[in-house]
């Protein structure tokens, strides 16, 4: 999610006993061999970090909110060397970066990691209305921060990471944020669509958002639909049907073409479609 956004993921919430969760916070799903989805289900954002395990090494796409020790979760799932690829630098995807030695991110947002995130910006995200269960022992929202981290390498788009037996291609997808990326596994027909595309509120409202760039990015992903078997997003229900990608492309195209919002909530215009909503600046600045 964009800094300053609050996206209500409540319709995905389930009744979960925190005692059944890893560290009382993480839920680990194994949707198919070689892929684990690490969910933070007690928070309204329902953020998902995806671990892809190859024969030689493993890639962790994002490190979540910084609640709990995501590295120990990952080490319980694989004995392969693990490196991190950040899909972008928003707070809910970089919280555990500092626990890892190797981090990659698009060059447009690399400098953001070194700033970290102070408590004055972070604490409001852990207010009671954003939680459906207790925070785990040891996490204090009144003092919590996200520590600075430092990328070992920067991406431009077009790179490929060979994990041994599977390869992930980097696709630069600005729009939600300037350095947003998706990752495509052509051999397995899998797309990790990150915050670019997911079946809920697509956030194209912030000083960092660019609706026209978002449309170009969704167009790029929609072209992959014929070869996709499934899509793993970073929010909303996962996996996601590939058919939603062209629908999202067309929806943003309609908004750029003048489609009126279904509802205005303060400064945010809500454009509602089947299976997702696009949020834009009510004043038209995002377009």
Protein backbone atom coordinates (compact mmCIF):
# COMPACT_ATOMS: atom_id res chain seq x y z
CA UNK A 1 0.00 0.00 0.00
CA UNK A 2 1.06 3.59 -0.53
CA UNK A 3 2.25 5.63 2.43
CA UNK A 4 -0.75 7.35 3.93
CA UNK A 5 -3.24 4.88 2.47
CA UNK A 6 -5.62 2.72 4.41
CA UNK A 7 -7.03 -0.08 2.30
CA UNK A 8 -9.77 -2.09 3.98
CA UNK A 9 -9.03 -5.77 3.42
CA UNK A 10 -11.72 -6.80 5.89
CA UNK A 11 -13.65 -8.99 3.49
CA UNK A 12 -10.69 -11.35 3.34
CA UNK A 13 -10.36 -11.63 7.10
CA UNK A 14 -10.98 -15.03 8.66
CA UNK A 15 -11.41 -16.26 12.20
CA UNK A 16 -7.91 -17.28 13.19
CA UNK A 17 -6.55 -18.32 16.55
CA UNK A 18 -3.31 -16.36 17.02
CA UNK A 19 -1.91 -19.36 18.90
CA UNK A 20 -2.09 -21.34 15.65
CA UNK A 21 0.03 -18.82 13.77
CA UNK A 22 3.81 -18.88 13.46
CA UNK A 23 5.09 -16.51 16.18
CA UNK A 24 1.44 -15.60 16.75
CA UNK A 25 1.53 -13.46 13.61
CA UNK A 26 2.38 -15.29 10.37
CA UNK A 27 0.31 -17.80 8.44
CA UNK A 28 2.31 -19.91 5.98
CA UNK A 29 0.58 -21.26 2.88
CA UNK A 30 2.06 -23.68 0.34
CA UNK A 31 -0.08 -23.24 -2.78
CA UNK A 32 2.21 -25.35 -4.98
CA UNK A 33 5.64 -27.00 -4.86
CA UNK A 34 8.45 -24.48 -4.53
CA UNK A 35 6.22 -21.55 -3.50
CA UNK A 36 5.28 -20.40 -0.01
CA UNK A 37 3.05 -17.43 0.76
CA UNK A 38 3.78 -15.85 4.14
CA UNK A 39 0.66 -13.94 5.20
CA UNK A 40 0.20 -11.43 8.04
CA UNK A 41 -3.50 -12.18 8.51
CA UNK A 42 -4.24 -10.25 11.70
CA UNK A 43 -3.65 -6.87 10.06
CA UNK A 44 -6.16 -5.16 7.79
CA UNK A 45 -3.63 -5.02 4.94
CA UNK A 46 -3.35 -8.85 4.82
CA UNK A 47 0.12 -8.38 3.34
CA UNK A 48 1.71 -11.37 1.63
CA UNK A 49 5.41 -12.07 1.11
CA UNK A 50 6.18 -14.85 -1.37
CA UNK A 51 9.09 -17.26 -1.03
CA UNK A 52 10.18 -19.08 -4.20
CA UNK A 53 12.56 -21.99 -3.68
CA UNK A 54 14.81 -23.24 -6.45
CA UNK A 55 17.32 -26.07 -6.51
CA UNK A 56 20.22 -23.77 -5.58
CA UNK A 57 18.79 -20.72 -3.81
CA UNK A 58 15.55 -19.05 -2.80
CA UNK A 59 14.04 -15.62 -3.40
CA UNK A 60 11.87 -13.84 -0.85
CA UNK A 61 9.68 -11.21 -2.49
CA UNK A 62 9.31 -8.57 0.26
CA UNK A 63 9.76 -8.86 4.00
CA UNK A 64 6.42 -7.69 5.37
CA UNK A 65 5.62 -5.23 8.13
CA UNK A 66 8.47 -5.93 10.51
CA UNK A 67 6.23 -7.62 13.08
CA UNK A 68 7.91 -10.85 14.14
CA UNK A 69 11.01 -12.48 12.69
CA UNK A 70 10.28 -13.30 9.06
CA UNK A 71 13.80 -14.59 8.54
CA UNK A 72 13.30 -17.40 11.04
CA UNK A 73 10.03 -18.27 9.28
CA UNK A 74 11.85 -18.49 5.96
CA UNK A 75 14.67 -20.56 7.44
CA UNK A 76 12.07 -23.01 8.70
CA UNK A 77 10.82 -23.49 5.15
CA UNK A 78 14.08 -23.93 3.21
CA UNK A 79 17.77 -24.62 3.75
CA UNK A 80 18.70 -22.84 0.50
CA UNK A 81 20.52 -19.48 0.66
CA UNK A 82 17.86 -16.77 0.64
CA UNK A 83 17.97 -13.29 -0.88
CA UNK A 84 15.33 -10.55 -0.88
CA UNK A 85 13.80 -8.74 -3.83
CA UNK A 86 11.66 -5.80 -2.77
CA UNK A 87 8.71 -5.19 -5.06
CA UNK A 88 8.81 -1.55 -3.94
CA UNK A 89 9.75 0.41 -0.83
CA UNK A 90 6.43 0.98 0.94
CA UNK A 91 6.46 0.30 4.66
CA UNK A 92 4.45 -2.93 4.64
CA UNK A 93 6.92 -4.66 2.31
CA UNK A 94 10.31 -3.73 3.80
CA UNK A 95 9.83 -4.23 7.54
CA UNK A 96 12.12 -7.25 7.83
CA UNK A 97 14.76 -6.18 5.31
CA UNK A 98 17.36 -5.53 7.99
CA UNK A 99 17.39 -9.23 8.86
CA UNK A 100 18.81 -10.22 5.45
CA UNK A 101 22.23 -9.78 3.87
CA UNK A 102 21.26 -9.60 0.18
CA UNK A 103 18.58 -7.17 -0.99
CA UNK A 104 17.57 -6.04 -4.48
CA UNK A 105 15.17 -3.24 -5.41
CA UNK A 106 14.44 -1.04 -8.43
CA UNK A 107 16.82 1.89 -8.74
CA UNK A 108 13.95 4.40 -8.49
CA UNK A 109 13.32 3.47 -4.85
CA UNK A 110 16.71 2.21 -3.67
CA UNK A 111 17.52 5.37 -1.72
CA UNK A 112 14.27 5.09 0.24
CA UNK A 113 15.46 1.98 2.07
CA UNK A 114 18.34 3.77 3.78
CA UNK A 115 15.93 6.21 5.45
CA UNK A 116 14.01 3.61 7.44
CA UNK A 117 10.62 4.55 8.90
CA UNK A 118 10.19 6.27 12.25
CA UNK A 119 7.60 5.48 14.88
CA UNK A 120 5.59 8.64 14.27
CA UNK A 121 4.73 7.32 10.80
CA UNK A 122 4.45 3.67 11.77
CA UNK A 123 2.38 3.60 14.95
CA UNK A 124 -0.94 4.59 13.38
CA UNK A 125 -0.87 1.46 11.24
CA UNK A 126 -1.11 -0.68 14.37
CA UNK A 127 -4.08 1.09 15.93
CA UNK A 128 -6.77 -1.35 17.20
CA UNK A 129 -9.07 -0.66 14.23
CA UNK A 130 -6.41 -2.06 11.89
CA UNK A 131 -6.03 -5.35 13.77
CA UNK A 132 -8.16 -8.47 14.07
CA UNK A 133 -6.02 -10.08 16.75
CA UNK A 134 -3.29 -9.27 19.27
CA UNK A 135 0.18 -8.13 18.29
CA UNK A 136 2.77 -10.73 19.30
CA UNK A 137 4.80 -10.32 22.51
CA UNK A 138 7.83 -8.15 22.00
CA UNK A 139 6.27 -5.85 19.40
CA UNK A 140 5.38 -2.47 20.84
CA UNK A 141 3.59 -0.18 18.37
CA UNK A 142 4.41 2.88 20.49
CA UNK A 143 8.14 2.42 19.91
CA UNK A 144 8.35 0.29 16.76
CA UNK A 145 10.37 1.50 13.79
CA UNK A 146 11.52 0.00 10.52
CA UNK A 147 15.28 -0.05 10.52
CA UNK A 148 17.22 1.26 7.51
CA UNK A 149 18.42 -1.33 5.04
CA UNK A 150 20.84 -1.11 2.16
CA UNK A 151 20.41 -2.84 -1.21
CA UNK A 152 23.28 -4.89 -2.60
CA UNK A 153 22.01 -4.40 -6.13
CA UNK A 154 19.55 -2.25 -8.03
CA UNK A 155 17.19 -3.25 -10.81
CA UNK A 156 16.01 -1.53 -13.96
CA UNK A 157 13.68 -4.21 -15.32
CA UNK A 158 14.63 -6.99 -17.70
CA UNK A 159 16.92 -8.81 -15.28
CA UNK A 160 16.53 -12.54 -14.61
CA UNK A 161 17.25 -14.39 -11.36
CA UNK A 162 18.17 -18.06 -11.81
CA UNK A 163 17.31 -19.98 -8.65
CA UNK A 164 18.27 -23.35 -10.08
CA UNK A 165 15.47 -25.11 -11.91
CA UNK A 166 13.40 -21.95 -12.15
CA UNK A 167 14.06 -18.42 -13.32
CA UNK A 168 12.25 -15.22 -12.40
CA UNK A 169 12.22 -12.25 -14.78
CA UNK A 170 11.92 -8.68 -13.47
CA UNK A 171 9.24 -6.47 -15.05
CA UNK A 172 9.33 -2.78 -14.15
CA UNK A 173 5.73 -1.75 -13.42
CA UNK A 174 5.51 1.86 -12.22
CA UNK A 175 2.18 3.44 -11.37
CA UNK A 176 1.46 2.43 -7.79
CA UNK A 177 4.99 3.63 -7.05
CA UNK A 178 7.83 4.66 -9.37
CA UNK A 179 10.00 1.61 -8.75
CA UNK A 180 7.33 -1.05 -8.55
CA UNK A 181 8.15 -4.40 -10.12
CA UNK A 182 6.46 -7.72 -10.85
CA UNK A 183 8.25 -11.04 -11.29
CA UNK A 184 7.44 -13.59 -14.00
CA UNK A 185 8.31 -17.28 -14.06
CA UNK A 186 7.84 -18.21 -17.75
CA UNK A 187 8.59 -21.92 -17.33
CA UNK A 188 5.89 -22.43 -14.69
CA UNK A 189 3.42 -19.83 -16.00
CA UNK A 190 3.44 -17.91 -12.73
CA UNK A 191 3.31 -14.16 -12.18
CA UNK A 192 4.04 -12.50 -8.85
CA UNK A 193 2.02 -9.34 -9.39
CA UNK A 194 2.98 -7.70 -6.04
CA UNK A 195 1.18 -4.39 -5.43
CA UNK A 196 0.69 -3.78 -9.14
CA UNK A 197 -2.37 -6.04 -9.45
CA UNK A 198 -4.47 -7.71 -6.77
CA UNK A 199 -8.19 -8.39 -6.31
CA UNK A 200 -9.11 -5.51 -4.04
CA UNK A 201 -8.44 -1.74 -3.92
CA UNK A 202 -5.74 -0.81 -6.46
CA UNK A 203 -4.09 2.24 -5.04
CA UNK A 204 -3.34 4.93 -7.61
CA UNK A 205 -3.73 7.78 -5.18
CA UNK A 206 -0.65 9.38 -3.60
CA UNK A 207 2.10 11.80 -4.51
CA UNK A 208 4.03 8.79 -5.87
CA UNK A 209 1.21 7.39 -8.03
CA UNK A 210 0.92 7.87 -11.78
CA UNK A 211 -2.27 6.58 -13.35
CA UNK A 212 -1.00 6.70 -16.93
CA UNK A 213 2.12 4.77 -15.95
CA UNK A 214 -0.14 2.34 -14.08
CA UNK A 215 -2.12 1.75 -17.27
CA UNK A 216 1.06 1.02 -19.22
CA UNK A 217 2.18 -1.42 -16.54
CA UNK A 218 -1.15 -3.25 -16.46
CA UNK A 219 -1.07 -3.41 -20.26
CA UNK A 220 2.35 -5.06 -20.04
CA UNK A 221 1.09 -7.64 -17.54
CA UNK A 222 -2.17 -8.25 -19.41
CA UNK A 223 -0.15 -9.32 -22.45
CA UNK A 224 1.13 -12.25 -20.39
CA UNK A 225 -2.36 -13.59 -19.70
CA UNK A 226 -2.37 -16.29 -22.42
CA UNK A 227 0.75 -17.93 -20.94
CA UNK A 228 -0.14 -17.54 -17.26
CA UNK A 229 -1.36 -20.43 -15.16
CA UNK A 230 -1.79 -18.38 -11.99
CA UNK A 231 -0.98 -15.07 -10.30
CA UNK A 232 0.25 -14.46 -6.75
CA UNK A 233 -0.40 -10.90 -5.53
CA UNK A 234 0.79 -9.14 -2.37
CA UNK A 235 -2.69 -8.20 -1.08
CA UNK A 236 -6.20 -9.56 -1.45
CA UNK A 237 -7.14 -13.15 -2.17
CA UNK A 238 -4.29 -15.28 -3.48
CA UNK A 239 -3.86 -16.84 -5.97
CA UNK A 240 -5.61 -14.54 -8.42
CA UNK A 241 -7.13 -15.42 -11.78
CA UNK A 242 -4.98 -14.18 -14.69
CA UNK A 243 -8.16 -12.94 -16.43
CA UNK A 244 -8.29 -10.06 -13.97
CA UNK A 245 -5.18 -8.52 -15.52
CA UNK A 246 -6.82 -7.40 -18.80
CA UNK A 247 -9.89 -6.37 -16.81
CA UNK A 248 -7.72 -4.10 -14.67
CA UNK A 249 -5.97 -2.71 -17.73
CA UNK A 250 -9.33 -1.87 -19.32
CA UNK A 251 -10.66 -0.37 -16.09
CA UNK A 252 -7.77 2.06 -15.75
CA UNK A 253 -8.08 2.87 -19.44
CA UNK A 254 -11.73 3.73 -18.90
CA UNK A 255 -10.84 6.01 -15.99
CA UNK A 256 -8.26 7.80 -18.09
CA UNK A 257 -10.94 8.11 -20.75
CA UNK A 258 -13.22 10.00 -18.40
CA UNK A 259 -15.19 7.34 -16.49
CA UNK A 260 -16.90 8.91 -13.49
CA UNK A 261 -16.16 7.58 -10.02
CA UNK A 262 -18.79 5.44 -8.30
CA UNK A 263 -18.14 7.19 -5.02
CA UNK A 264 -16.05 10.03 -3.60
CA UNK A 265 -14.58 9.56 -0.12
CA UNK A 266 -12.94 12.85 0.77
CA UNK A 267 -9.98 13.22 -1.57
CA UNK A 268 -10.24 9.68 -2.91
CA UNK A 269 -12.37 8.66 -5.90
CA UNK A 270 -13.49 5.02 -5.86
CA UNK A 271 -14.01 3.36 -9.26
CA UNK A 272 -15.67 0.01 -8.64
CA UNK A 273 -15.42 -2.99 -10.96
CA UNK A 274 -16.17 -6.68 -10.63
CA UNK A 275 -13.50 -8.15 -8.38
CA UNK A 276 -11.53 -4.97 -7.67
CA UNK A 277 -11.69 -1.20 -7.17
CA UNK A 278 -9.35 1.51 -8.47
CA UNK A 279 -8.66 4.42 -6.12
CA UNK A 280 -7.61 7.72 -7.66
CA UNK A 281 -7.27 11.35 -6.67
CA UNK A 282 -10.75 12.91 -6.59
CA UNK A 283 -9.26 16.11 -8.00
CA UNK A 284 -7.85 14.23 -10.98
CA UNK A 285 -4.23 14.74 -10.01
CA UNK A 286 -3.40 11.01 -10.25
CA UNK A 287 -4.47 10.91 -13.88
